[in-house]
Amino acid sequence: MYPACWRGPTDGRRLIVPLYNARGELRSLQFISIRGTKRYLFGGEKAGCCTKLPTGGASLRLIVICEGWATGASLYEATGLPVLVALDADKLGHLSWELNDGE
């Protein structure tokens, strides 16, 4: 079974990917068209934000961190592990730093 964000949400033309900060607060959205064009919500926060592909209660002792929504969805499907997806490669370091409480 795919996570809810795998199939949507969508507006019928684009996949809408939510971006959350380390506290779990929704900070922005990414819109991916059927042609693969990616756009961000104007004025939305990206630094330290990610989207989450949950496992429905699995242990959080091991978390996969990757770049790109399609990569994250593939990793989730293949492993069943929790996946945090940074949507830009340059955000990976910031995301892992946030997960370690800035240490």
Foldseek 3Di string as FASTA:
>chain_A
DFAPQVVADDPVFWHKFFKAALVRDTFWIWTQGPVGDIDIDPPTDQARIWGKGALVDDDPPDEAEEEDDVVQRVCCVVPSHIYTYRPDPVRRVRNVCVVVVND
